[in-house]
Structures are given as C-alpha cells and as structure tokens.
Amino acid sequence: MDLKQLYALMERFERTSLSELTFKKDGEEVTLKKGAAPLVHVPTAGIAAVHAQAAVAAAQPPAGLPGRGSDIEVIRAPIVGTFYRSPAPDAAPFVEKGDRVKKGQTLCILEAMKLMNEFQAEYDLEIIAILADNGTMVEFGSPLFEVRRT
C-alpha cells in the first residue's frame, strides 16, 4: 500500500461511524481505530514501501473542470496537508503558469504530519493554472494545478 492509498483509507475511515477497521492487501495489514489514541499498524515490511512513496509523484486521476477544454486536466491533492510552491520561503517556486514540466519534475510540496512530501509530475505536461495558494491547507482531493499533457 503506498502513502496515497493509506491517506485515502484514513480519510474515508474518519468519515464513517466505524470505530475500528482492519484492511489487508498483498500481505500488508493496516488497522485504524477511533478513540483515545489513534493507531495505525503497518508491518515492518510495509513501512519501507510507505516511506519510499513519500517522495514519489501522487495525484488523483485528473479530471477536467466544467467549462474547460477537454485537454485540460486537474491534478488534485492526494493527501491533506499544507501546500508549498517552493522548497524554502526564499526559494523560487518549483513551477509557474506556462511552464513545460518533464515527468518526474517536482510540482510542489505537501507537508503532512510534519513530513515534507515532494510531489512530482507523472507525465510530461504544461502548467495551465496554479489553483492552490502557497502556504495554505488543502484537503484530500483539492485541485492544485490545471495542466495539459504534452
């Protein structure tokens, strides 16, 4: 299970009336509990895979916004966190409107649970619009960028 899937599972679990959930897939097991102390259990073999995914590109499957061209796609926040356009306050942003971005190039950072997660382009693209403000909290699924595949 990668980090994006784990956060999606946690987000959905929070919205339910369930008090405990155990999810098993491909030899990994995640247990979520609501109550006094939240618990997330990932076997040792799965931890390395989850941490490795922290810096890997992640985005919801892009979907065009209403009223936009069919070639315009939206990259959405795969996790809840604080959106940062640059690696440091005094550094230049990773991308600007109009930039052509290569697959693997960093688009932004989302800070979640005190971890800085760099999110990279999953394909070559052009930035049409930047939809989130620097330093603001974004929810799971919030639109971050409008892009066009190149």
Protein backbone atom coordinates (compact mmCIF):
# COMPACT_ATOMS: atom_id res chain seq x y z
CA MET A 1 0.00 0.00 0.00
CA ASP A 2 1.51 3.35 -0.95
CA LEU A 3 1.22 6.56 1.05
CA LYS A 4 -1.56 7.94 -1.16
CA GLN A 5 -3.68 4.84 -0.60
CA LEU A 6 -3.02 4.92 3.15
CA TYR A 7 -4.09 8.55 3.45
CA ALA A 8 -7.19 7.89 1.33
CA LEU A 9 -8.10 4.97 3.61
CA MET A 10 -7.58 7.14 6.71
CA GLU A 11 -9.66 9.97 5.22
CA ARG A 12 -12.57 7.67 4.37
CA PHE A 13 -12.39 5.92 7.74
CA GLU A 14 -12.67 9.29 9.53
CA ARG A 15 -15.97 9.97 7.74
CA THR A 16 -17.59 6.73 8.89
CA SER A 17 -19.24 5.74 12.14
CA LEU A 18 -16.93 2.72 12.42
CA SER A 19 -14.69 2.60 15.49
CA GLU A 20 -12.17 0.10 14.08
CA LEU A 21 -11.11 -1.05 10.63
CA THR A 22 -8.55 -3.65 9.54
CA PHE A 23 -7.53 -3.68 5.88
CA LYS A 24 -5.40 -6.47 4.41
CA LYS A 25 -3.87 -6.41 0.94
CA ASP A 26 -0.84 -8.09 -0.62
CA GLY A 27 0.50 -9.32 2.72
CA GLU A 28 0.23 -5.90 4.35
CA GLU A 29 -2.21 -5.11 7.12
CA VAL A 30 -3.39 -1.70 8.31
CA THR A 31 -5.53 -1.31 11.42
CA LEU A 32 -7.25 2.00 12.14
CA LYS A 33 -9.06 2.71 15.42
CA LYS A 34 -11.02 5.70 16.65
CA GLY A 35 -10.93 6.57 20.30
CA ALA A 36 -8.48 7.82 22.89
CA ALA A 37 -5.30 7.01 20.95
CA PRO A 38 -5.31 6.61 17.16
CA LEU A 39 -3.40 3.56 15.95
CA VAL A 40 -2.07 2.78 12.53
CA HIS A 41 -0.30 -0.55 12.26
CA VAL A 42 1.80 -1.36 9.22
CA PRO A 43 4.04 -4.45 9.34
CA THR A 44 7.76 -3.75 9.18
CA ALA A 45 7.96 -4.99 5.58
CA GLY A 46 5.35 -2.41 4.56
CA ILE A 47 6.94 0.55 6.34
CA ALA A 48 9.84 0.85 3.89
CA ALA A 49 7.41 0.86 0.97
CA VAL A 50 5.24 3.55 2.61
CA HIS A 51 8.26 5.77 3.34
CA ALA A 52 9.62 5.27 -0.17
CA GLN A 53 6.33 6.54 -1.58
CA ALA A 54 6.53 9.80 0.40
CA ALA A 55 8.63 11.45 -2.32
CA VAL A 56 7.01 9.75 -5.29
CA ALA A 57 4.58 11.52 -7.56
CA ALA A 58 0.99 11.25 -6.46
CA ALA A 59 -2.20 12.72 -7.87
CA GLN A 60 -5.80 11.75 -8.19
CA PRO A 61 -6.65 10.66 -11.70
CA PRO A 62 -7.01 14.05 -13.37
CA ALA A 63 -10.44 15.15 -14.48
CA GLY A 64 -11.27 18.25 -16.47
CA LEU A 65 -13.11 21.10 -14.80
CA PRO A 66 -16.56 22.02 -16.11
CA GLY A 67 -16.45 24.59 -18.85
CA ARG A 68 -12.79 23.93 -19.72
CA GLY A 69 -11.32 22.30 -22.79
CA SER A 70 -11.30 18.52 -22.79
CA ASP A 71 -7.49 18.52 -22.93
CA ILE A 72 -7.26 20.36 -19.59
CA GLU A 73 -6.76 18.06 -16.59
CA VAL A 74 -6.70 18.78 -12.88
CA ILE A 75 -4.04 17.46 -10.52
CA ARG A 76 -5.61 17.05 -7.09
CA ALA A 77 -4.13 16.79 -3.61
CA PRO A 78 -3.54 13.12 -2.78
CA ILE A 79 -3.32 13.93 0.94
CA VAL A 80 -4.41 16.57 3.44
CA GLY A 81 -1.59 19.00 4.11
CA THR A 82 -0.05 22.43 3.68
CA PHE A 83 0.69 23.31 0.04
CA TYR A 84 4.10 24.84 -0.70
CA ARG A 85 5.15 26.03 -4.16
CA SER A 86 8.88 26.19 -3.31
CA PRO A 87 11.38 24.22 -1.20
CA ALA A 88 12.03 27.22 1.08
CA PRO A 89 10.38 30.61 1.70
CA ASP A 90 13.17 32.48 -0.13
CA ALA A 91 13.50 29.95 -2.98
CA ALA A 92 11.93 30.17 -6.43
CA PRO A 93 8.71 28.18 -6.98
CA PHE A 94 9.05 24.70 -8.46
CA VAL A 95 6.71 25.62 -11.34
CA GLU A 96 4.97 28.68 -12.75
CA LYS A 97 1.98 29.12 -15.04
CA GLY A 98 3.03 28.32 -18.60
CA ASP A 99 5.97 26.10 -17.60
CA ARG A 100 6.55 22.87 -19.51
CA VAL A 101 7.31 20.14 -17.00
CA LYS A 102 9.01 16.79 -17.61
CA LYS A 103 7.86 13.55 -15.99
CA GLY A 104 9.48 13.27 -12.55
CA GLN A 105 9.96 17.02 -12.06
CA THR A 106 8.76 18.34 -8.69
CA LEU A 107 5.50 20.30 -8.81
CA CYS A 108 5.04 21.17 -5.14
CA ILE A 109 5.48 20.06 -1.55
CA LEU A 110 2.63 18.98 0.70
CA GLU A 111 3.51 19.00 4.39
CA ALA A 112 1.56 16.38 6.32
CA MET A 113 2.23 15.19 9.85
CA LYS A 114 5.50 17.18 9.85
CA LEU A 115 6.72 15.33 6.75
CA MET A 116 7.59 17.29 3.63
CA ASN A 117 6.25 15.25 0.70
CA GLU A 118 7.51 16.31 -2.74
CA PHE A 119 5.01 15.58 -5.48
CA GLN A 120 6.30 15.07 -8.98
CA ALA A 121 4.74 15.08 -12.42
CA GLU A 122 3.54 11.65 -13.51
CA TYR A 123 3.81 12.64 -17.18
CA ASP A 124 5.13 15.48 -19.35
CA LEU A 125 2.79 18.45 -19.01
CA GLU A 126 2.25 22.18 -19.28
CA ILE A 127 1.04 24.17 -16.26
CA ILE A 128 -2.16 25.99 -17.26
CA ALA A 129 -3.04 27.33 -13.80
CA ILE A 130 -1.94 27.01 -10.19
CA LEU A 131 -5.12 26.61 -8.17
CA ALA A 132 -3.85 26.49 -4.56
CA ASP A 133 -2.29 29.37 -2.66
CA ASN A 134 1.19 28.95 -1.22
CA GLY A 135 1.20 28.09 2.48
CA THR A 136 -2.48 27.16 2.64
CA MET A 137 -4.02 23.97 3.96
CA VAL A 138 -5.52 21.75 1.25
CA GLU A 139 -7.95 18.89 1.72
CA PHE A 140 -7.74 15.46 0.13
CA GLY A 141 -8.90 15.87 -3.48
CA SER A 142 -8.49 19.66 -3.58
CA PRO A 143 -7.49 20.92 -7.03
CA LEU A 144 -3.84 22.02 -7.11
CA PHE A 145 -2.99 22.50 -10.79
CA GLU A 146 -4.70 22.68 -14.15
CA VAL A 147 -2.43 21.02 -16.69
CA ARG A 148 -2.29 19.88 -20.30
CA ARG A 149 -0.36 16.76 -21.31
CA THR A 150 2.45 17.45 -23.75
